[in-house]
Every structure is written in C-alpha cells, then in structure tokens.
Amino acid sequence: MSHIVTVQEAVTAFADWLEPTAAELDAIDAEMPLIRAEVELLDVRITLLDRTPNELDQRRIRRAGHKVLAARTVLANALGSGEVA
C-alpha cells in the first residue's frame, strides 16, 4: 500500500496575512444590524418549515422582513452619504 502525502506546506488559520484588516472589521461592524436582521428572518422561516403558518406566524415573517428592509435602507443610506467606507 502506498501512502499519499502533500508536497506543500500546511496552511494555518493563524497566519498573519489571513487576519482581517481594520477596514474589513469596520465594514463587518457596519453591516452587523443587517446581518442580525437576516438571521432573525432565517430563524423565523426555519421555525415554520414543518407547519402551515397561522396569522401570528405570518406577522412574525412580515416583521422580520421589515427589519431586514429597514436595516438595508439604513446601510444603503450610510454608504450613499459616505458615512461607511
């Protein structure tokens, strides 16, 4: 039996060049409200996968969808006005 080995060096997640820059971290921080709103919407949709949504569930979906749209609007306005680089 022959063994298969790699010829290249192992790549670790702790290499200096793999770390996010300050600008990338700022961009993630600026998008965090949108990310949270999208996760909330996804949670609602996952919860309702195995059942038919009733009136309260439909309200939850709409509310979560409105939060996503509001967060997108705030982010787009911030990008348009140059507040977020």
PDB file of N, CA and C in Angstrom:
ATOM      1  N   MET A   1       0.841  -1.158   0.000  1.00  0.00           N
ATOM      2  CA  MET A   1       0.000   0.000   0.000  1.00  0.00           C
ATOM      3  C   MET A   1       0.896   1.235   0.000  1.00  0.00           C
ATOM      4  N   SER A   2       0.603   2.175  -0.891  1.00  0.00           N
ATOM      5  CA  SER A   2       1.385   3.403  -0.933  1.00  0.00           C
ATOM      6  C   SER A   2       0.599   4.520  -0.249  1.00  0.00           C
ATOM      7  N   HIS A   3       1.319   5.394   0.426  1.00  0.00           N
ATOM      8  CA  HIS A   3       0.694   6.494   1.152  1.00  0.00           C
ATOM      9  C   HIS A   3       0.741   7.756   0.297  1.00  0.00           C
ATOM     10  N   ILE A   4      -0.308   8.544   0.413  1.00  0.00           N
ATOM     11  CA  ILE A   4      -0.375   9.799  -0.308  1.00  0.00           C
ATOM     12  C   ILE A   4       0.019  10.913   0.654  1.00  0.00           C
ATOM     13  N   VAL A   5       0.976  11.720   0.264  1.00  0.00           N
ATOM     14  CA  VAL A   5       1.416  12.831   1.103  1.00  0.00           C
ATOM     15  C   VAL A   5       1.355  14.117   0.297  1.00  0.00           C
ATOM     16  N   THR A   6       1.267  15.227   0.993  1.00  0.00           N
ATOM     17  CA  THR A   6       1.252  16.523   0.307  1.00  0.00           C
ATOM     18  C   THR A   6       2.663  17.061   0.212  1.00  0.00           C
ATOM     19  N   VAL A   7       2.901  17.837  -0.817  1.00  0.00           N
ATOM     20  CA  VAL A   7       4.225  18.383  -1.045  1.00  0.00           C
ATOM     21  C   VAL A   7       4.321  19.834  -0.589  1.00  0.00           C
ATOM     22  N   GLN A   8       3.185  20.460  -0.336  1.00  0.00           N
ATOM     23  CA  GLN A   8       3.212  21.865   0.047  1.00  0.00           C
ATOM     24  C   GLN A   8       3.138  22.016   1.563  1.00  0.00           C
ATOM     25  N   GLU A   9       3.480  23.200   2.024  1.00  0.00           N
ATOM     26  CA  GLU A   9       3.426  23.473   3.452  1.00  0.00           C
ATOM     27  C   GLU A   9       1.974  23.582   3.914  1.00  0.00           C
ATOM     28  N   ALA A  10       1.752  23.218   5.132  1.00  0.00           N
ATOM     29  CA  ALA A  10       0.411  23.329   5.695  1.00  0.00           C
ATOM     30  C   ALA A  10       0.044  24.802   5.867  1.00  0.00           C
ATOM     31  N   VAL A  11      -1.187  25.125   5.556  1.00  0.00           N
ATOM     32  CA  VAL A  11      -1.678  26.489   5.722  1.00  0.00           C
ATOM     33  C   VAL A  11      -2.470  26.536   7.021  1.00  0.00           C
ATOM     34  N   THR A  12      -2.106  27.436   7.891  1.00  0.00           N
ATOM     35  CA  THR A  12      -2.815  27.536   9.157  1.00  0.00           C
ATOM     36  C   THR A  12      -3.705  28.757   9.160  1.00  0.00           C
ATOM     37  N   ALA A  13      -4.702  28.708   9.986  1.00  0.00           N
ATOM     38  CA  ALA A  13      -5.624  29.837  10.091  1.00  0.00           C
ATOM     39  C   ALA A  13      -5.022  30.978  10.895  1.00  0.00           C
ATOM     40  N   PHE A  14      -3.840  30.778  11.440  1.00  0.00           N
ATOM     41  CA  PHE A  14      -3.235  31.799  12.277  1.00  0.00           C
ATOM     42  C   PHE A  14      -2.151  32.598  11.560  1.00  0.00           C
ATOM     43  N   ALA A  15      -2.066  32.449  10.261  1.00  0.00           N
ATOM     44  CA  ALA A  15      -1.074  33.217   9.508  1.00  0.00           C
ATOM     45  C   ALA A  15      -1.450  34.696   9.552  1.00  0.00           C
ATOM     46  N   ASP A  16      -0.440  35.549   9.644  1.00  0.00           N
ATOM     47  CA  ASP A  16      -0.692  36.988   9.751  1.00  0.00           C
ATOM     48  C   ASP A  16      -1.476  37.541   8.576  1.00  0.00           C
ATOM     49  N   TRP A  17      -1.226  37.042   7.390  1.00  0.00           N
ATOM     50  CA  TRP A  17      -1.871  37.590   6.201  1.00  0.00           C
ATOM     51  C   TRP A  17      -3.323  37.132   6.064  1.00  0.00           C
ATOM     52  N   LEU A  18      -3.770  36.217   6.922  1.00  0.00           N
ATOM     53  CA  LEU A  18      -5.160  35.776   6.875  1.00  0.00           C
ATOM     54  C   LEU A  18      -6.064  36.579   7.804  1.00  0.00           C
ATOM     55  N   GLU A  19      -5.489  37.392   8.643  1.00  0.00           N
ATOM     56  CA  GLU A  19      -6.284  38.187   9.572  1.00  0.00           C
ATOM     57  C   GLU A  19      -6.979  39.324   8.821  1.00  0.00           C
ATOM     58  N   PRO A  20      -8.221  39.651   9.217  1.00  0.00           N
ATOM     59  CA  PRO A  20      -8.902  40.768   8.565  1.00  0.00           C
ATOM     60  C   PRO A  20      -8.251  42.098   8.940  1.00  0.00           C
ATOM     61  N   THR A  21      -8.308  43.006   8.003  1.00  0.00           N
ATOM     62  CA  THR A  21      -7.755  44.332   8.250  1.00  0.00           C
ATOM     63  C   THR A  21      -8.734  45.150   9.088  1.00  0.00           C
ATOM     64  N   ALA A  22      -8.276  46.280   9.563  1.00  0.00           N
ATOM     65  CA  ALA A  22      -9.147  47.162  10.346  1.00  0.00           C
ATOM     66  C   ALA A  22     -10.329  47.644   9.503  1.00  0.00           C
ATOM     67  N   ALA A  23     -10.092  47.923   8.233  1.00  0.00           N
ATOM     68  CA  ALA A  23     -11.170  48.369   7.339  1.00  0.00           C
ATOM     69  C   ALA A  23     -12.209  47.272   7.138  1.00  0.00           C
ATOM     70  N   GLU A  24     -11.751  46.025   7.004  1.00  0.00           N
ATOM     71  CA  GLU A  24     -12.687  44.913   6.851  1.00  0.00           C
ATOM     72  C   GLU A  24     -13.513  44.708   8.115  1.00  0.00           C
ATOM     73  N   LEU A  25     -12.887  44.838   9.269  1.00  0.00           N
ATOM     74  CA  LEU A  25     -13.615  44.713  10.529  1.00  0.00           C
ATOM     75  C   LEU A  25     -14.630  45.840  10.693  1.00  0.00           C
ATOM     76  N   ASP A  26     -14.275  47.045  10.268  1.00  0.00           N
ATOM     77  CA  ASP A  26     -15.213  48.168  10.320  1.00  0.00           C
ATOM     78  C   ASP A  26     -16.405  47.932   9.393  1.00  0.00           C
ATOM     79  N   ALA A  27     -16.139  47.365   8.219  1.00  0.00           N
ATOM     80  CA  ALA A  27     -17.221  47.072   7.271  1.00  0.00           C
ATOM     81  C   ALA A  27     -18.163  46.015   7.849  1.00  0.00           C
ATOM     82  N   ILE A  28     -17.610  45.005   8.481  1.00  0.00           N
ATOM     83  CA  ILE A  28     -18.442  43.966   9.109  1.00  0.00           C
ATOM     84  C   ILE A  28     -19.268  44.579  10.230  1.00  0.00           C
ATOM     85  N   ASP A  29     -18.644  45.438  11.019  1.00  0.00           N
ATOM     86  CA  ASP A  29     -19.340  46.095  12.118  1.00  0.00           C
ATOM     87  C   ASP A  29     -20.489  46.957  11.596  1.00  0.00           C
ATOM     88  N   ALA A  30     -20.278  47.634  10.486  1.00  0.00           N
ATOM     89  CA  ALA A  30     -21.328  48.478   9.897  1.00  0.00           C
ATOM     90  C   ALA A  30     -22.483  47.642   9.371  1.00  0.00           C
ATOM     91  N   GLU A  31     -22.198  46.436   8.901  1.00  0.00           N
ATOM     92  CA  GLU A  31     -23.234  45.556   8.353  1.00  0.00           C
ATOM     93  C   GLU A  31     -23.902  44.682   9.408  1.00  0.00           C
ATOM     94  N   MET A  32     -23.437  44.723  10.643  1.00  0.00           N
ATOM     95  CA  MET A  32     -23.950  43.822  11.673  1.00  0.00           C
ATOM     96  C   MET A  32     -25.459  43.943  11.917  1.00  0.00           C
ATOM     97  N   PRO A  33     -26.064  45.143  11.938  1.00  0.00           N
ATOM     98  CA  PRO A  33     -27.522  45.186  12.105  1.00  0.00           C
ATOM     99  C   PRO A  33     -28.264  44.452  10.985  1.00  0.00           C
ATOM    100  N   LEU A  34     -27.780  44.566   9.768  1.00  0.00           N
ATOM    101  CA  LEU A  34     -28.394  43.848   8.650  1.00  0.00           C
ATOM    102  C   LEU A  34     -28.210  42.342   8.810  1.00  0.00           C
ATOM    103  N   ILE A  35     -27.028  41.928   9.217  1.00  0.00           N
ATOM    104  CA  ILE A  35     -26.760  40.502   9.413  1.00  0.00           C
ATOM    105  C   ILE A  35     -27.687  39.934  10.475  1.00  0.00           C
ATOM    106  N   ARG A  36     -27.843  40.664  11.587  1.00  0.00           N
ATOM    107  CA  ARG A  36     -28.729  40.192  12.661  1.00  0.00           C
ATOM    108  C   ARG A  36     -30.177  40.099  12.190  1.00  0.00           C
ATOM    109  N   ALA A  37     -30.623  41.081  11.413  1.00  0.00           N
ATOM    110  CA  ALA A  37     -31.995  41.064  10.901  1.00  0.00           C
ATOM    111  C   ALA A  37     -32.207  39.888   9.951  1.00  0.00           C
ATOM    112  N   GLU A  38     -31.218  39.612   9.101  1.00  0.00           N
ATOM    113  CA  GLU A  38     -31.333  38.484   8.177  1.00  0.00           C
ATOM    114  C   GLU A  38     -31.329  37.150   8.917  1.00  0.00           C
ATOM    115  N   VAL A  39     -30.539  37.050   9.980  1.00  0.00           N
ATOM    116  CA  VAL A  39     -30.529  35.825  10.785  1.00  0.00           C
ATOM    117  C   VAL A  39     -31.879  35.631  11.464  1.00  0.00           C
ATOM    118  N   GLU A  40     -32.461  36.717  11.964  1.00  0.00           N
ATOM    119  CA  GLU A  40     -33.782  36.621  12.587  1.00  0.00           C
ATOM    120  C   GLU A  40     -34.835  36.144  11.584  1.00  0.00           C
ATOM    121  N   LEU A  41     -34.807  36.694  10.369  1.00  0.00           N
ATOM    122  CA  LEU A  41     -35.739  36.259   9.332  1.00  0.00           C
ATOM    123  C   LEU A  41     -35.526  34.786   9.001  1.00  0.00           C
ATOM    124  N   LEU A  42     -34.288  34.370   8.902  1.00  0.00           N
ATOM    125  CA  LEU A  42     -33.985  32.969   8.628  1.00  0.00           C
ATOM    126  C   LEU A  42     -34.481  32.071   9.753  1.00  0.00           C
ATOM    127  N   ASP A  43     -34.322  32.496  10.992  1.00  0.00           N
ATOM    128  CA  ASP A  43     -34.820  31.717  12.135  1.00  0.00           C
ATOM    129  C   ASP A  43     -36.333  31.529  12.064  1.00  0.00           C
ATOM    130  N   VAL A  44     -37.043  32.592  11.715  1.00  0.00           N
ATOM    131  CA  VAL A  44     -38.499  32.502  11.593  1.00  0.00           C
ATOM    132  C   VAL A  44     -38.876  31.522  10.496  1.00  0.00           C
ATOM    133  N   ARG A  45     -38.205  31.624   9.365  1.00  0.00           N
ATOM    134  CA  ARG A  45     -38.521  30.719   8.247  1.00  0.00           C
ATOM    135  C   ARG A  45     -38.204  29.268   8.599  1.00  0.00           C
ATOM    136  N   ILE A  46     -37.097  29.030   9.287  1.00  0.00           N
ATOM    137  CA  ILE A  46     -36.747  27.661   9.685  1.00  0.00           C
ATOM    138  C   ILE A  46     -37.778  27.116  10.656  1.00  0.00           C
ATOM    139  N   THR A  47     -38.221  27.948  11.579  1.00  0.00           N
ATOM    140  CA  THR A  47     -39.230  27.519  12.549  1.00  0.00           C
ATOM    141  C   THR A  47     -40.506  27.068  11.863  1.00  0.00           C
ATOM    142  N   LEU A  48     -40.832  27.697  10.754  1.00  0.00           N
ATOM    143  CA  LEU A  48     -42.100  27.420  10.086  1.00  0.00           C
ATOM    144  C   LEU A  48     -41.989  26.400   8.950  1.00  0.00           C
ATOM    145  N   LEU A  49     -40.859  25.725   8.826  1.00  0.00           N
ATOM    146  CA  LEU A  49     -40.692  24.765   7.737  1.00  0.00           C
ATOM    147  C   LEU A  49     -41.649  23.583   7.827  1.00  0.00           C
ATOM    148  N   ASP A  50     -41.939  23.132   9.026  1.00  0.00           N
ATOM    149  CA  ASP A  50     -42.704  21.895   9.174  1.00  0.00           C
ATOM    150  C   ASP A  50     -44.166  22.127   9.523  1.00  0.00           C
ATOM    151  N   ARG A  51     -44.637  23.350   9.374  1.00  0.00           N
ATOM    152  CA  ARG A  51     -46.048  23.604   9.672  1.00  0.00           C
ATOM    153  C   ARG A  51     -46.571  24.727   8.788  1.00  0.00           C
ATOM    154  N   THR A  52     -47.872  24.794   8.709  1.00  0.00           N
ATOM    155  CA  THR A  52     -48.513  25.864   7.957  1.00  0.00           C
ATOM    156  C   THR A  52     -48.574  27.099   8.846  1.00  0.00           C
ATOM    157  N   PRO A  53     -48.097  28.231   8.364  1.00  0.00           N
ATOM    158  CA  PRO A  53     -48.090  29.437   9.198  1.00  0.00           C
ATOM    159  C   PRO A  53     -49.502  29.917   9.515  1.00  0.00           C
ATOM    160  N   ASN A  54     -49.732  30.231  10.772  1.00  0.00           N
ATOM    161  CA  ASN A  54     -51.011  30.827  11.145  1.00  0.00           C
ATOM    162  C   ASN A  54     -50.857  32.352  11.085  1.00  0.00           C
ATOM    163  N   GLU A  55     -51.858  33.080  11.553  1.00  0.00           N
ATOM    164  CA  GLU A  55     -51.833  34.532  11.443  1.00  0.00           C
ATOM    165  C   GLU A  55     -50.664  35.149  12.226  1.00  0.00           C
ATOM    166  N   LEU A  56     -50.394  34.632  13.418  1.00  0.00           N
ATOM    167  CA  LEU A  56     -49.288  35.134  14.221  1.00  0.00           C
ATOM    168  C   LEU A  56     -47.941  34.864  13.545  1.00  0.00           C
ATOM    169  N   ASP A  57     -47.805  33.684  12.943  1.00  0.00           N
ATOM    170  CA  ASP A  57     -46.572  33.346  12.224  1.00  0.00           C
ATOM    171  C   ASP A  57     -46.365  34.272  11.030  1.00  0.00           C
ATOM    172  N   GLN A  58     -47.437  34.572  10.337  1.00  0.00           N
ATOM    173  CA  GLN A  58     -47.331  35.477   9.188  1.00  0.00           C
ATOM    174  C   GLN A  58     -46.900  36.864   9.632  1.00  0.00           C
ATOM    175  N   ARG A  59     -47.356  37.294  10.799  1.00  0.00           N
ATOM    176  CA  ARG A  59     -46.923  38.587  11.345  1.00  0.00           C
ATOM    177  C   ARG A  59     -45.435  38.552  11.674  1.00  0.00           C
ATOM    178  N   ARG A  60     -44.991  37.439  12.240  1.00  0.00           N
ATOM    179  CA  ARG A  60     -43.565  37.300  12.569  1.00  0.00           C
ATOM    180  C   ARG A  60     -42.717  37.385  11.308  1.00  0.00           C
ATOM    181  N   ILE A  61     -43.170  36.732  10.235  1.00  0.00           N
ATOM    182  CA  ILE A  61     -42.434  36.769   8.970  1.00  0.00           C
ATOM    183  C   ILE A  61     -42.390  38.195   8.432  1.00  0.00           C
ATOM    184  N   ARG A  62     -43.541  38.860   8.435  1.00  0.00           N
ATOM    185  CA  ARG A  62     -43.584  40.248   7.935  1.00  0.00           C
ATOM    186  C   ARG A  62     -42.709  41.170   8.776  1.00  0.00           C
ATOM    187  N   ARG A  63     -42.776  41.027  10.105  1.00  0.00           N
ATOM    188  CA  ARG A  63     -41.982  41.879  10.991  1.00  0.00           C
ATOM    189  C   ARG A  63     -40.496  41.667  10.747  1.00  0.00           C
ATOM    190  N   ALA A  64     -40.087  40.403  10.624  1.00  0.00           N
ATOM    191  CA  ALA A  64     -38.677  40.117  10.370  1.00  0.00           C
ATOM    192  C   ALA A  64     -38.260  40.644   8.996  1.00  0.00           C
ATOM    193  N   GLY A  65     -39.143  40.516   8.013  1.00  0.00           N
ATOM    194  CA  GLY A  65     -38.851  41.044   6.675  1.00  0.00           C
ATOM    195  C   GLY A  65     -38.714  42.552   6.680  1.00  0.00           C
ATOM    196  N   HIS A  66     -39.571  43.211   7.461  1.00  0.00           N
ATOM    197  CA  HIS A  66     -39.486  44.678   7.564  1.00  0.00           C
ATOM    198  C   HIS A  66     -38.191  45.110   8.240  1.00  0.00           C
ATOM    199  N   LYS A  67     -37.742  44.332   9.235  1.00  0.00           N
ATOM    200  CA  LYS A  67     -36.469  44.657   9.891  1.00  0.00           C
ATOM    201  C   LYS A  67     -35.313  44.556   8.900  1.00  0.00           C
ATOM    202  N   VAL A  68     -35.351  43.545   8.036  1.00  0.00           N
ATOM    203  CA  VAL A  68     -34.299  43.388   7.025  1.00  0.00           C
ATOM    204  C   VAL A  68     -34.313  44.578   6.074  1.00  0.00           C
ATOM    205  N   LEU A  69     -35.491  44.944   5.607  1.00  0.00           N
ATOM    206  CA  LEU A  69     -35.582  46.079   4.685  1.00  0.00           C
ATOM    207  C   LEU A  69     -35.130  47.377   5.343  1.00  0.00           C
ATOM    208  N   ALA A  70     -35.501  47.578   6.598  1.00  0.00           N
ATOM    209  CA  ALA A  70     -35.085  48.792   7.306  1.00  0.00           C
ATOM    210  C   ALA A  70     -33.566  48.816   7.485  1.00  0.00           C
ATOM    211  N   ALA A  71     -32.982  47.681   7.834  1.00  0.00           N
ATOM    212  CA  ALA A  71     -31.525  47.626   8.014  1.00  0.00           C
ATOM    213  C   ALA A  71     -30.811  47.853   6.686  1.00  0.00           C
ATOM    214  N   ARG A  72     -31.351  47.301   5.600  1.00  0.00           N
ATOM    215  CA  ARG A  72     -30.758  47.537   4.281  1.00  0.00           C
ATOM    216  C   ARG A  72     -30.838  49.007   3.896  1.00  0.00           C
ATOM    217  N   THR A  73     -31.963  49.636   4.208  1.00  0.00           N
ATOM    218  CA  THR A  73     -32.136  51.053   3.895  1.00  0.00           C
ATOM    219  C   THR A  73     -31.128  51.904   4.654  1.00  0.00           C
ATOM    220  N   VAL A  74     -30.977  51.629   5.954  1.00  0.00           N
ATOM    221  CA  VAL A  74     -30.022  52.387   6.763  1.00  0.00           C
ATOM    222  C   VAL A  74     -28.605  52.196   6.222  1.00  0.00           C
ATOM    223  N   LEU A  75     -28.244  50.969   5.887  1.00  0.00           N
ATOM    224  CA  LEU A  75     -26.902  50.694   5.370  1.00  0.00           C
ATOM    225  C   LEU A  75     -26.688  51.368   4.010  1.00  0.00           C
ATOM    226  N   ALA A  76     -27.691  51.286   3.137  1.00  0.00           N
ATOM    227  CA  ALA A  76     -27.563  51.915   1.826  1.00  0.00           C
ATOM    228  C   ALA A  76     -27.433  53.429   1.941  1.00  0.00           C
ATOM    229  N   ASN A  77     -28.206  54.018   2.848  1.00  0.00           N
ATOM    230  CA  ASN A  77     -28.119  55.473   3.053  1.00  0.00           C
ATOM    231  C   ASN A  77     -26.765  55.854   3.627  1.00  0.00           C
ATOM    232  N   ALA A  78     -26.238  55.037   4.533  1.00  0.00           N
ATOM    233  CA  ALA A  78     -24.922  55.314   5.103  1.00  0.00           C
ATOM    234  C   ALA A  78     -23.835  55.196   4.030  1.00  0.00           C
ATOM    235  N   LEU A  79     -23.956  54.208   3.175  1.00  0.00           N
ATOM    236  CA  LEU A  79     -22.975  54.042   2.092  1.00  0.00           C
ATOM    237  C   LEU A  79     -23.078  55.193   1.092  1.00  0.00           C
ATOM    238  N   GLY A  80     -24.311  55.609   0.809  1.00  0.00           N
ATOM    239  CA  GLY A  80     -24.530  56.690  -0.146  1.00  0.00           C
ATOM    240  C   GLY A  80     -24.027  58.028   0.347  1.00  0.00           C
ATOM    241  N   SER A  81     -24.122  58.233   1.659  1.00  0.00           N
ATOM    242  CA  SER A  81     -23.679  59.516   2.201  1.00  0.00           C
ATOM    243  C   SER A  81     -22.208  59.503   2.570  1.00  0.00           C
ATOM    244  N   GLY A  82     -21.585  58.354   2.449  1.00  0.00           N
ATOM    245  CA  GLY A  82     -20.154  58.263   2.730  1.00  0.00           C
ATOM    246  C   GLY A  82     -19.817  58.059   4.192  1.00  0.00           C
ATOM    247  N   GLU A  83     -20.826  57.750   5.030  1.00  0.00           N
ATOM    248  CA  GLU A  83     -20.567  57.526   6.442  1.00  0.00           C
ATOM    249  C   GLU A  83     -19.784  56.249   6.668  1.00  0.00           C
ATOM    250  N   VAL A  84     -20.043  55.244   5.834  1.00  0.00           N
ATOM    251  CA  VAL A  84     -19.357  53.962   5.931  1.00  0.00           C
ATOM    252  C   VAL A  84     -18.439  53.834   4.733  1.00  0.00           C
ATOM    253  N   ALA A  85     -17.205  53.568   4.979  1.00  0.00           N
ATOM    254  CA  ALA A  85     -16.254  53.454   3.852  1.00  0.00           C
ATOM    255  C   ALA A  85     -15.951  52.007   3.567  1.00  0.00           C
TER     256      ALA A  85
END
